PDB file of all heavy atoms in Angstrom:
ATOM      1  N   GLN A   1       0.854  -1.188   0.000  1.00  0.00           N
ATOM      2  CA  GLN A   1       0.000   0.000   0.000  1.00  0.00           C
ATOM      3  C   GLN A   1       0.887   1.234   0.000  1.00  0.00           C
ATOM      4  O   GLN A   1       1.852   1.300   0.763  1.00  0.00           O
ATOM      5  CB  GLN A   1      -0.877   0.040   1.244  1.00  0.00           C
ATOM      6  CG  GLN A   1      -1.929  -1.030   1.305  1.00  0.00           C
ATOM      7  CD  GLN A   1      -2.731  -0.917   2.593  1.00  0.00           C
ATOM      8  OE1 GLN A   1      -2.220  -1.254   3.652  1.00  0.00           O
ATOM      9  NE2 GLN A   1      -3.957  -0.434   2.490  1.00  0.00           N
ATOM     10  N   VAL A   2       0.559   2.193  -0.846  1.00  0.00           N
ATOM     11  CA  VAL A   2       1.228   3.490  -0.839  1.00  0.00           C
ATOM     12  C   VAL A   2       0.166   4.503  -0.442  1.00  0.00           C
ATOM     13  O   VAL A   2      -0.868   4.613  -1.105  1.00  0.00           O
ATOM     14  CB  VAL A   2       1.847   3.831  -2.216  1.00  0.00           C
ATOM     15  CG1 VAL A   2       2.534   5.187  -2.164  1.00  0.00           C
ATOM     16  CG2 VAL A   2       2.826   2.748  -2.656  1.00  0.00           C
ATOM     17  N   MET A   3       0.427   5.209   0.643  1.00  0.00           N
ATOM     18  CA  MET A   3      -0.545   6.151   1.182  1.00  0.00           C
ATOM     19  C   MET A   3      -0.296   7.551   0.599  1.00  0.00           C
ATOM     20  O   MET A   3       0.778   7.822   0.070  1.00  0.00           O
ATOM     21  CB  MET A   3      -0.432   6.188   2.715  1.00  0.00           C
ATOM     22  CG  MET A   3      -0.501   4.809   3.380  1.00  0.00           C
ATOM     23  SD  MET A   3      -1.884   3.804   2.848  1.00  0.00           S
ATOM     24  CE  MET A   3      -3.127   4.432   3.929  1.00  0.00           C
ATOM     25  N   PRO A   4      -1.267   8.456   0.728  1.00  0.00           N
ATOM     26  CA  PRO A   4      -1.101   9.813   0.188  1.00  0.00           C
ATOM     27  C   PRO A   4       0.147  10.534   0.696  1.00  0.00           C
ATOM     28  O   PRO A   4       0.737  11.325  -0.020  1.00  0.00           O
ATOM     29  CB  PRO A   4      -2.371  10.542   0.649  1.00  0.00           C
ATOM     30  CG  PRO A   4      -3.376   9.459   0.806  1.00  0.00           C
ATOM     31  CD  PRO A   4      -2.606   8.258   1.284  1.00  0.00           C
ATOM     32  N   ASP A   5       0.562  10.262   1.946  1.00  0.00           N
ATOM     33  CA  ASP A   5       1.760  10.913   2.494  1.00  0.00           C
ATOM     34  C   ASP A   5       3.047  10.189   2.109  1.00  0.00           C
ATOM     35  O   ASP A   5       4.102  10.463   2.656  1.00  0.00           O
ATOM     36  CB  ASP A   5       1.651  11.040   4.013  1.00  0.00           C
ATOM     37  CG  ASP A   5       1.696   9.687   4.725  1.00  0.00           C
ATOM     38  OD1 ASP A   5       1.746   8.633   4.058  1.00  0.00           O
ATOM     39  OD2 ASP A   5       1.675   9.694   5.974  1.00  0.00           O
ATOM     40  N   GLN A   6       2.959   9.237   1.180  1.00  0.00           N
ATOM     41  CA  GLN A   6       4.080   8.434   0.670  1.00  0.00           C
ATOM     42  C   GLN A   6       4.560   7.361   1.643  1.00  0.00           C
ATOM     43  O   GLN A   6       5.593   6.755   1.436  1.00  0.00           O
ATOM     44  CB  GLN A   6       5.268   9.324   0.227  1.00  0.00           C
ATOM     45  CG  GLN A   6       4.920  10.223  -0.955  1.00  0.00           C
ATOM     46  CD  GLN A   6       4.382   9.421  -2.146  1.00  0.00           C
ATOM     47  OE1 GLN A   6       5.035   8.543  -2.652  1.00  0.00           O
ATOM     48  NE2 GLN A   6       3.158   9.712  -2.554  1.00  0.00           N
ATOM     49  N   THR A   7       3.822   7.115   2.727  1.00  0.00           N
ATOM     50  CA  THR A   7       4.103   5.974   3.591  1.00  0.00           C
ATOM     51  C   THR A   7       3.834   4.712   2.771  1.00  0.00           C
ATOM     52  O   THR A   7       2.833   4.628   2.073  1.00  0.00           O
ATOM     53  CB  THR A   7       3.193   5.997   4.839  1.00  0.00           C
ATOM     54  OG1 THR A   7       3.501   7.160   5.609  1.00  0.00           O
ATOM     55  CG2 THR A   7       3.391   4.754   5.698  1.00  0.00           C
ATOM     56  N   VAL A   8       4.762   3.757   2.848  1.00  0.00           N
ATOM     57  CA  VAL A   8       4.609   2.493   2.127  1.00  0.00           C
ATOM     58  C   VAL A   8       4.461   1.374   3.151  1.00  0.00           C
ATOM     59  O   VAL A   8       5.304   1.216   4.037  1.00  0.00           O
ATOM     60  CB  VAL A   8       5.817   2.215   1.207  1.00  0.00           C
ATOM     61  CG1 VAL A   8       5.680   0.858   0.515  1.00  0.00           C
ATOM     62  CG2 VAL A   8       5.976   3.320   0.176  1.00  0.00           C
ATOM     63  N   ILE A   9       3.373   0.627   3.040  1.00  0.00           N
ATOM     64  CA  ILE A   9       3.115  -0.505   3.940  1.00  0.00           C
ATOM     65  C   ILE A   9       3.154  -1.762   3.082  1.00  0.00           C
ATOM     66  O   ILE A   9       2.378  -1.890   2.138  1.00  0.00           O
ATOM     67  CB  ILE A   9       1.742  -0.374   4.631  1.00  0.00           C
ATOM     68  CG1 ILE A   9       1.651   0.963   5.385  1.00  0.00           C
ATOM     69  CG2 ILE A   9       1.502  -1.555   5.577  1.00  0.00           C
ATOM     70  CD1 ILE A   9       0.246   1.335   5.806  1.00  0.00           C
ATOM     71  N   TYR A  10       4.093  -2.667   3.411  1.00  0.00           N
ATOM     72  CA  TYR A  10       4.219  -3.907   2.637  1.00  0.00           C
ATOM     73  C   TYR A  10       3.972  -5.082   3.582  1.00  0.00           C
ATOM     74  O   TYR A  10       4.645  -5.201   4.603  1.00  0.00           O
ATOM     75  CB  TYR A  10       5.604  -4.020   1.997  1.00  0.00           C
ATOM     76  CG  TYR A  10       5.659  -5.060   0.896  1.00  0.00           C
ATOM     77  CD1 TYR A  10       5.676  -4.688  -0.439  1.00  0.00           C
ATOM     78  CD2 TYR A  10       5.661  -6.420   1.192  1.00  0.00           C
ATOM     79  CE1 TYR A  10       5.706  -5.632  -1.462  1.00  0.00           C
ATOM     80  CE2 TYR A  10       5.679  -7.371   0.191  1.00  0.00           C
ATOM     81  CZ  TYR A  10       5.709  -6.971  -1.134  1.00  0.00           C
ATOM     82  OH  TYR A  10       5.739  -7.923  -2.138  1.00  0.00           O
ATOM     83  N   TYR A  11       3.003  -5.900   3.223  1.00  0.00           N
ATOM     84  CA  TYR A  11       2.689  -7.085   4.024  1.00  0.00           C
ATOM     85  C   TYR A  11       3.198  -8.314   3.280  1.00  0.00           C
ATOM     86  O   TYR A  11       2.821  -8.565   2.138  1.00  0.00           O
ATOM     87  CB  TYR A  11       1.176  -7.192   4.248  1.00  0.00           C
ATOM     88  CG  TYR A  11       0.776  -8.462   4.978  1.00  0.00           C
ATOM     89  CD1 TYR A  11       1.027  -8.607   6.341  1.00  0.00           C
ATOM     90  CD2 TYR A  11       0.172  -9.514   4.306  1.00  0.00           C
ATOM     91  CE1 TYR A  11       0.677  -9.773   7.011  1.00  0.00           C
ATOM     92  CE2 TYR A  11      -0.181 -10.678   4.976  1.00  0.00           C
ATOM     93  CZ  TYR A  11       0.075 -10.809   6.319  1.00  0.00           C
ATOM     94  OH  TYR A  11      -0.263 -11.955   6.981  1.00  0.00           O
ATOM     95  N   TYR A  12       4.092  -9.072   3.938  1.00  0.00           N
ATOM     96  CA  TYR A  12       4.615 -10.328   3.384  1.00  0.00           C
ATOM     97  C   TYR A  12       3.715 -11.450   3.886  1.00  0.00           C
ATOM     98  O   TYR A  12       3.722 -11.768   5.083  1.00  0.00           O
ATOM     99  CB  TYR A  12       6.052 -10.560   3.849  1.00  0.00           C
ATOM    100  CG  TYR A  12       7.017  -9.506   3.356  1.00  0.00           C
ATOM    101  CD1 TYR A  12       7.277  -8.363   4.105  1.00  0.00           C
ATOM    102  CD2 TYR A  12       7.669  -9.657   2.135  1.00  0.00           C
ATOM    103  CE1 TYR A  12       8.161  -7.395   3.663  1.00  0.00           C
ATOM    104  CE2 TYR A  12       8.559  -8.689   1.681  1.00  0.00           C
ATOM    105  CZ  TYR A  12       8.801  -7.561   2.445  1.00  0.00           C
ATOM    106  OH  TYR A  12       9.679  -6.608   1.995  1.00  0.00           O
ATOM    107  N   ALA A  13       2.941 -12.028   2.992  1.00  0.00           N
ATOM    108  CA  ALA A  13       1.934 -13.021   3.377  1.00  0.00           C
ATOM    109  C   ALA A  13       2.555 -14.272   3.975  1.00  0.00           C
ATOM    110  O   ALA A  13       2.119 -14.748   5.019  1.00  0.00           O
ATOM    111  CB  ALA A  13       1.066 -13.381   2.173  1.00  0.00           C
ATOM    112  N   ASP A  14       3.589 -14.835   3.327  1.00  0.00           N
ATOM    113  CA  ASP A  14       4.190 -16.083   3.824  1.00  0.00           C
ATOM    114  C   ASP A  14       4.764 -15.914   5.221  1.00  0.00           C
ATOM    115  O   ASP A  14       4.590 -16.760   6.091  1.00  0.00           O
ATOM    116  CB  ASP A  14       5.284 -16.588   2.873  1.00  0.00           C
ATOM    117  CG  ASP A  14       4.715 -17.302   1.662  1.00  0.00           C
ATOM    118  OD1 ASP A  14       3.497 -17.600   1.651  1.00  0.00           O
ATOM    119  OD2 ASP A  14       5.487 -17.564   0.718  1.00  0.00           O
ATOM    120  N   ALA A  15       5.461 -14.809   5.455  1.00  0.00           N
ATOM    121  CA  ALA A  15       6.105 -14.568   6.754  1.00  0.00           C
ATOM    122  C   ALA A  15       5.162 -13.900   7.749  1.00  0.00           C
ATOM    123  O   ALA A  15       5.512 -13.749   8.919  1.00  0.00           O
ATOM    124  CB  ALA A  15       7.348 -13.706   6.562  1.00  0.00           C
ATOM    125  N   LYS A  16       3.980 -13.473   7.280  1.00  0.00           N
ATOM    126  CA  LYS A  16       3.027 -12.740   8.129  1.00  0.00           C
ATOM    127  C   LYS A  16       3.713 -11.557   8.810  1.00  0.00           C
ATOM    128  O   LYS A  16       3.604 -11.332  10.015  1.00  0.00           O
ATOM    129  CB  LYS A  16       2.385 -13.667   9.156  1.00  0.00           C
ATOM    130  CG  LYS A  16       1.500 -14.733   8.544  1.00  0.00           C
ATOM    131  CD  LYS A  16       0.892 -15.639   9.609  1.00  0.00           C
ATOM    132  CE  LYS A  16      -0.014 -16.685   9.037  1.00  0.00           C
ATOM    133  NZ  LYS A  16       0.577 -17.634   8.124  1.00  0.00           N
ATOM    134  N   THR A  17       4.468 -10.798   8.007  1.00  0.00           N
ATOM    135  CA  THR A  17       5.254  -9.676   8.491  1.00  0.00           C
ATOM    136  C   THR A  17       4.851  -8.408   7.754  1.00  0.00           C
ATOM    137  O   THR A  17       4.653  -8.438   6.541  1.00  0.00           O
ATOM    138  CB  THR A  17       6.763  -9.953   8.262  1.00  0.00           C
ATOM    139  OG1 THR A  17       7.121 -11.119   8.997  1.00  0.00           O
ATOM    140  CG2 THR A  17       7.627  -8.797   8.710  1.00  0.00           C
ATOM    141  N   THR A  18       4.722  -7.314   8.481  1.00  0.00           N
ATOM    142  CA  THR A  18       4.410  -6.024   7.875  1.00  0.00           C
ATOM    143  C   THR A  18       5.627  -5.114   7.981  1.00  0.00           C
ATOM    144  O   THR A  18       6.216  -4.979   9.052  1.00  0.00           O
ATOM    145  CB  THR A  18       3.206  -5.364   8.579  1.00  0.00           C
ATOM    146  OG1 THR A  18       2.091  -6.252   8.504  1.00  0.00           O
ATOM    147  CG2 THR A  18       2.833  -4.042   7.925  1.00  0.00           C
ATOM    148  N   HIS A  19       6.006  -4.496   6.856  1.00  0.00           N
ATOM    149  CA  HIS A  19       7.146  -3.580   6.794  1.00  0.00           C
ATOM    150  C   HIS A  19       6.594  -2.220   6.357  1.00  0.00           C
ATOM    151  O   HIS A  19       6.140  -2.072   5.231  1.00  0.00           O
ATOM    152  CB  HIS A  19       8.164  -4.106   5.788  1.00  0.00           C
ATOM    153  CG  HIS A  19       9.398  -3.264   5.675  1.00  0.00           C
ATOM    154  ND1 HIS A  19      10.437  -3.602   4.849  1.00  0.00           N
ATOM    155  CD2 HIS A  19       9.771  -2.116   6.266  1.00  0.00           C
ATOM    156  CE1 HIS A  19      11.387  -2.686   4.943  1.00  0.00           C
ATOM    157  NE2 HIS A  19      10.998  -1.775   5.797  1.00  0.00           N
ATOM    158  N   THR A  20       6.626  -1.252   7.267  1.00  0.00           N
ATOM    159  CA  THR A  20       6.120   0.084   6.978  1.00  0.00           C
ATOM    160  C   THR A  20       7.297   1.044   6.862  1.00  0.00           C
ATOM    161  O   THR A  20       8.151   1.087   7.741  1.00  0.00           O
ATOM    162  CB  THR A  20       5.165   0.572   8.093  1.00  0.00           C
ATOM    163  OG1 THR A  20       4.133  -0.410   8.265  1.00  0.00           O
ATOM    164  CG2 THR A  20       4.549   1.912   7.753  1.00  0.00           C
ATOM    165  N   THR A  21       7.346   1.793   5.761  1.00  0.00           N
ATOM    166  CA  THR A  21       8.379   2.806   5.554  1.00  0.00           C
ATOM    167  C   THR A  21       7.689   4.161   5.496  1.00  0.00           C
ATOM    168  O   THR A  21       6.846   4.396   4.632  1.00  0.00           O
ATOM    169  CB  THR A  21       9.153   2.549   4.248  1.00  0.00           C
ATOM    170  OG1 THR A  21       9.680   1.219   4.269  1.00  0.00           O
ATOM    171  CG2 THR A  21      10.305   3.533   4.087  1.00  0.00           C
ATOM    172  N   TYR A  22       8.041   5.035   6.436  1.00  0.00           N
ATOM    173  CA  TYR A  22       7.442   6.363   6.500  1.00  0.00           C
ATOM    174  C   TYR A  22       8.246   7.343   5.656  1.00  0.00           C
ATOM    175  O   TYR A  22       9.427   7.115   5.372  1.00  0.00           O
ATOM    176  CB  TYR A  22       7.363   6.838   7.957  1.00  0.00           C
ATOM    177  CG  TYR A  22       6.437   5.982   8.787  1.00  0.00           C
ATOM    178  CD1 TYR A  22       6.913   4.875   9.496  1.00  0.00           C
ATOM    179  CD2 TYR A  22       5.073   6.247   8.836  1.00  0.00           C
ATOM    180  CE1 TYR A  22       6.056   4.073  10.234  1.00  0.00           C
ATOM    181  CE2 TYR A  22       4.208   5.447   9.576  1.00  0.00           C
ATOM    182  CZ  TYR A  22       4.716   4.364  10.262  1.00  0.00           C
ATOM    183  OH  TYR A  22       3.863   3.569  10.983  1.00  0.00           O
ATOM    184  N   SER A  23       7.616   8.445   5.280  1.00  0.00           N
ATOM    185  CA  SER A  23       8.268   9.424   4.405  1.00  0.00           C
ATOM    186  C   SER A  23       9.509  10.050   5.045  1.00  0.00           C
ATOM    187  O   SER A  23      10.408  10.485   4.345  1.00  0.00           O
ATOM    188  CB  SER A  23       7.282  10.503   3.977  1.00  0.00           C
ATOM    189  OG  SER A  23       6.704  11.113   5.103  1.00  0.00           O
ATOM    190  N   ASP A  24       9.585  10.042   6.386  1.00  0.00           N
ATOM    191  CA  ASP A  24      10.771  10.597   7.065  1.00  0.00           C
ATOM    192  C   ASP A  24      11.917   9.584   7.143  1.00  0.00           C
ATOM    193  O   ASP A  24      12.969   9.876   7.687  1.00  0.00           O
ATOM    194  CB  ASP A  24      10.414  11.102   8.464  1.00  0.00           C
ATOM    195  CG  ASP A  24       9.974   9.997   9.424  1.00  0.00           C
ATOM    196  OD1 ASP A  24       9.963   8.807   9.038  1.00  0.00           O
ATOM    197  OD2 ASP A  24       9.634  10.335  10.577  1.00  0.00           O
ATOM    198  N   GLY A  25      11.706   8.357   6.608  1.00  0.00           N
ATOM    199  CA  GLY A  25      12.763   7.358   6.581  1.00  0.00           C
ATOM    200  C   GLY A  25      12.662   6.301   7.664  1.00  0.00           C
ATOM    201  O   GLY A  25      13.371   5.301   7.614  1.00  0.00           O
ATOM    202  N   LEU A  26      11.796   6.494   8.652  1.00  0.00           N
ATOM    203  CA  LEU A  26      11.600   5.486   9.698  1.00  0.00           C
ATOM    204  C   LEU A  26      11.001   4.228   9.075  1.00  0.00           C
ATOM    205  O   LEU A  26      10.070   4.314   8.276  1.00  0.00           O
ATOM    206  CB  LEU A  26      10.665   6.011  10.788  1.00  0.00           C
ATOM    207  CG  LEU A  26      10.215   4.996  11.852  1.00  0.00           C
ATOM    208  CD1 LEU A  26      11.396   4.522  12.695  1.00  0.00           C
ATOM    209  CD2 LEU A  26       9.128   5.592  12.735  1.00  0.00           C
ATOM    210  N   GLU A  27      11.568   3.063   9.419  1.00  0.00           N
ATOM    211  CA  GLU A  27      11.023   1.783   8.968  1.00  0.00           C
ATOM    212  C   GLU A  27      10.602   0.985  10.183  1.00  0.00           C
ATOM    213  O   GLU A  27      11.346   0.893  11.155  1.00  0.00           O
ATOM    214  CB  GLU A  27      12.070   1.003   8.171  1.00  0.00           C
ATOM    215  CG  GLU A  27      12.441   1.654   6.857  1.00  0.00           C
ATOM    216  CD  GLU A  27      13.416   0.815   6.064  1.00  0.00           C
ATOM    217  OE1 GLU A  27      13.163  -0.400   5.886  1.00  0.00           O
ATOM    218  OE2 GLU A  27      14.440   1.367   5.634  1.00  0.00           O
ATOM    219  N   VAL A  28       9.395   0.403  10.133  1.00  0.00           N
ATOM    220  CA  VAL A  28       8.887  -0.406  11.234  1.00  0.00           C
ATOM    221  C   VAL A  28       8.519  -1.776  10.683  1.00  0.00           C
ATOM    222  O   VAL A  28       7.774  -1.877   9.711  1.00  0.00           O
ATOM    223  CB  VAL A  28       7.655   0.256  11.901  1.00  0.00           C
ATOM    224  CG1 VAL A  28       7.112  -0.636  13.019  1.00  0.00           C
ATOM    225  CG2 VAL A  28       8.011   1.637  12.442  1.00  0.00           C
ATOM    226  N   LEU A  29       9.095  -2.832  11.293  1.00  0.00           N
ATOM    227  CA  LEU A  29       8.769  -4.201  10.911  1.00  0.00           C
ATOM    228  C   LEU A  29       7.997  -4.843  12.050  1.00  0.00           C
ATOM    229  O   LEU A  29       8.442  -4.789  13.201  1.00  0.00           O
ATOM    230  CB  LEU A  29      10.044  -4.996  10.628  1.00  0.00           C
ATOM    231  CG  LEU A  29      10.786  -4.541   9.381  1.00  0.00           C
ATOM    232  CD1 LEU A  29      12.005  -3.741   9.775  1.00  0.00           C
ATOM    233  CD2 LEU A  29      11.177  -5.719   8.546  1.00  0.00           C
ATOM    234  N   GLN A  30       6.852  -5.426  11.723  1.00  0.00           N
ATOM    235  CA  GLN A  30       6.026  -6.108  12.720  1.00  0.00           C
ATOM    236  C   GLN A  30       5.932  -7.567  12.317  1.00  0.00           C
ATOM    237  O   GLN A  30       5.423  -7.880  11.234  1.00  0.00           O
ATOM    238  CB  GLN A  30       4.643  -5.475  12.784  1.00  0.00           C
ATOM    239  CG  GLN A  30       4.689  -4.035  13.263  1.00  0.00           C
ATOM    240  CD  GLN A  30       3.349  -3.348  13.151  1.00  0.00           C
ATOM    241  OE1 GLN A  30       2.913  -3.043  12.064  1.00  0.00           O
ATOM    242  NE2 GLN A  30       2.723  -3.116  14.294  1.00  0.00           N
ATOM    243  N   PHE A  31       6.451  -8.449  13.177  1.00  0.00           N
ATOM    244  CA  PHE A  31       6.496  -9.877  12.892  1.00  0.00           C
ATOM    245  C   PHE A  31       5.297 -10.578  13.516  1.00  0.00           C
ATOM    246  O   PHE A  31       4.711 -10.090  14.482  1.00  0.00           O
ATOM    247  CB  PHE A  31       7.807 -10.473  13.418  1.00  0.00           C
ATOM    248  CG  PHE A  31       9.022  -9.881  12.756  1.00  0.00           C
ATOM    249  CD1 PHE A  31       9.664  -8.785  13.314  1.00  0.00           C
ATOM    250  CD2 PHE A  31       9.521 -10.408  11.580  1.00  0.00           C
ATOM    251  CE1 PHE A  31      10.780  -8.224  12.713  1.00  0.00           C
ATOM    252  CE2 PHE A  31      10.641  -9.856  10.974  1.00  0.00           C
ATOM    253  CZ  PHE A  31      11.269  -8.760  11.538  1.00  0.00           C
ATOM    254  N   SER A  32       4.990 -11.755  12.991  1.00  0.00           N
ATOM    255  CA  SER A  32       3.806 -12.489  13.460  1.00  0.00           C
ATOM    256  C   SER A  32       3.924 -12.931  14.918  1.00  0.00           C
ATOM    257  O   SER A  32       2.924 -13.136  15.585  1.00  0.00           O
ATOM    258  CB  SER A  32       3.554 -13.703  12.560  1.00  0.00           C
ATOM    259  OG  SER A  32       4.657 -14.577  12.598  1.00  0.00           O
ATOM    260  N   ASN A  33       5.151 -13.044  15.447  1.00  0.00           N
ATOM    261  CA  ASN A  33       5.325 -13.463  16.847  1.00  0.00           C
ATOM    262  C   ASN A  33       5.190 -12.298  17.822  1.00  0.00           C
ATOM    263  O   ASN A  33       5.361 -12.467  19.025  1.00  0.00           O
ATOM    264  CB  ASN A  33       6.680 -14.153  17.038  1.00  0.00           C
ATOM    265  CG  ASN A  33       7.859 -13.212  16.864  1.00  0.00           C
ATOM    266  OD1 ASN A  33       7.703 -12.045  16.506  1.00  0.00           O
ATOM    267  ND2 ASN A  33       9.056 -13.713  17.104  1.00  0.00           N
ATOM    268  N   GLY A  34       4.904 -11.099  17.298  1.00  0.00           N
ATOM    269  CA  GLY A  34       4.747  -9.931  18.167  1.00  0.00           C
ATOM    270  C   GLY A  34       5.976  -9.048  18.239  1.00  0.00           C
ATOM    271  O   GLY A  34       5.927  -7.959  18.794  1.00  0.00           O
ATOM    272  N   GLN A  35       7.108  -9.502  17.678  1.00  0.00           N
ATOM    273  CA  GLN A  35       8.321  -8.686  17.685  1.00  0.00           C
ATOM    274  C   GLN A  35       8.125  -7.481  16.769  1.00  0.00           C
ATOM    275  O   GLN A  35       7.565  -7.599  15.688  1.00  0.00           O
ATOM    276  CB  GLN A  35       9.513  -9.509  17.209  1.00  0.00           C
ATOM    277  CG  GLN A  35      10.821  -8.730  17.184  1.00  0.00           C
ATOM    278  CD  GLN A  35      12.009  -9.626  16.896  1.00  0.00           C
ATOM    279  OE1 GLN A  35      12.113 -10.707  17.456  1.00  0.00           O
ATOM    280  NE2 GLN A  35      12.897  -9.189  16.024  1.00  0.00           N
ATOM    281  N   ILE A  36       8.603  -6.320  17.231  1.00  0.00           N
ATOM    282  CA  ILE A  36       8.529  -5.089  16.441  1.00  0.00           C
ATOM    283  C   ILE A  36       9.928  -4.485  16.381  1.00  0.00           C
ATOM    284  O   ILE A  36      10.595  -4.335  17.400  1.00  0.00           O
ATOM    285  CB  ILE A  36       7.550  -4.073  17.074  1.00  0.00           C
ATOM    286  CG1 ILE A  36       6.138  -4.654  17.111  1.00  0.00           C
ATOM    287  CG2 ILE A  36       7.582  -2.746  16.316  1.00  0.00           C
ATOM    288  CD1 ILE A  36       5.148  -3.816  17.893  1.00  0.00           C
ATOM    289  N   GLU A  37      10.367  -4.157  15.162  1.00  0.00           N
ATOM    290  CA  GLU A  37      11.661  -3.508  14.981  1.00  0.00           C
ATOM    291  C   GLU A  37      11.441  -2.144  14.365  1.00  0.00           C
ATOM    292  O   GLU A  37      10.675  -2.001  13.423  1.00  0.00           O
ATOM    293  CB  GLU A  37      12.569  -4.321  14.056  1.00  0.00           C
ATOM    294  CG  GLU A  37      13.041  -5.610  14.636  1.00  0.00           C
ATOM    295  CD  GLU A  37      14.061  -6.326  13.755  1.00  0.00           C
ATOM    296  OE1 GLU A  37      14.617  -5.699  12.820  1.00  0.00           O
ATOM    297  OE2 GLU A  37      14.301  -7.513  14.004  1.00  0.00           O
ATOM    298  N   LYS A  38      12.139  -1.146  14.933  1.00  0.00           N
ATOM    299  CA  LYS A  38      12.118   0.203  14.358  1.00  0.00           C
ATOM    300  C   LYS A  38      13.530   0.521  13.900  1.00  0.00           C
ATOM    301  O   LYS A  38      14.470   0.435  14.693  1.00  0.00           O
ATOM    302  CB  LYS A  38      11.659   1.227  15.397  1.00  0.00           C
ATOM    303  CG  LYS A  38      10.220   1.054  15.819  1.00  0.00           C
ATOM    304  CD  LYS A  38       9.812   2.090  16.846  1.00  0.00           C
ATOM    305  CE  LYS A  38       8.365   1.865  17.286  1.00  0.00           C
ATOM    306  NZ  LYS A  38       7.968   2.816  18.331  1.00  0.00           N
ATOM    307  N   HIS A  39      13.660   0.866  12.630  1.00  0.00           N
ATOM    308  CA  HIS A  39      14.946   1.245  12.055  1.00  0.00           C
ATOM    309  C   HIS A  39      14.864   2.743  11.741  1.00  0.00           C
ATOM    310  O   HIS A  39      14.120   3.141  10.847  1.00  0.00           O
ATOM    311  CB  HIS A  39      15.240   0.446  10.789  1.00  0.00           C
ATOM    312  CG  HIS A  39      15.334  -1.027  11.021  1.00  0.00           C
ATOM    313  ND1 HIS A  39      16.194  -1.839  10.317  1.00  0.00           N
ATOM    314  CD2 HIS A  39      14.706  -1.860  11.888  1.00  0.00           C
ATOM    315  CE1 HIS A  39      16.065  -3.091  10.719  1.00  0.00           C
ATOM    316  NE2 HIS A  39      15.163  -3.114  11.675  1.00  0.00           N
ATOM    317  N   TYR A  40      15.619   3.539  12.498  1.00  0.00           N
ATOM    318  CA  TYR A  40      15.558   4.989  12.352  1.00  0.00           C
ATOM    319  C   TYR A  40      16.487   5.453  11.238  1.00  0.00           C
ATOM    320  O   TYR A  40      17.493   4.800  10.947  1.00  0.00           O
ATOM    321  CB  TYR A  40      15.937   5.653  13.683  1.00  0.00           C
ATOM    322  CG  TYR A  40      14.906   5.395  14.758  1.00  0.00           C
ATOM    323  CD1 TYR A  40      15.008   4.287  15.605  1.00  0.00           C
ATOM    324  CD2 TYR A  40      13.813   6.244  14.911  1.00  0.00           C
ATOM    325  CE1 TYR A  40      14.041   4.040  16.574  1.00  0.00           C
ATOM    326  CE2 TYR A  40      12.849   6.002  15.881  1.00  0.00           C
ATOM    327  CZ  TYR A  40      12.973   4.903  16.707  1.00  0.00           C
ATOM    328  OH  TYR A  40      12.023   4.658  17.657  1.00  0.00           O
TER     329      TYR A  40
END
């Protein structure tokens, strides 16, 4: 998904993982086990 503010949300179906990239460069990965990673 590409949002109006250029945020990109990518959901990997096999891994059940969501990777969100914000326009300011912050990346957030949310894993199916509940782990969340923020890459600044």
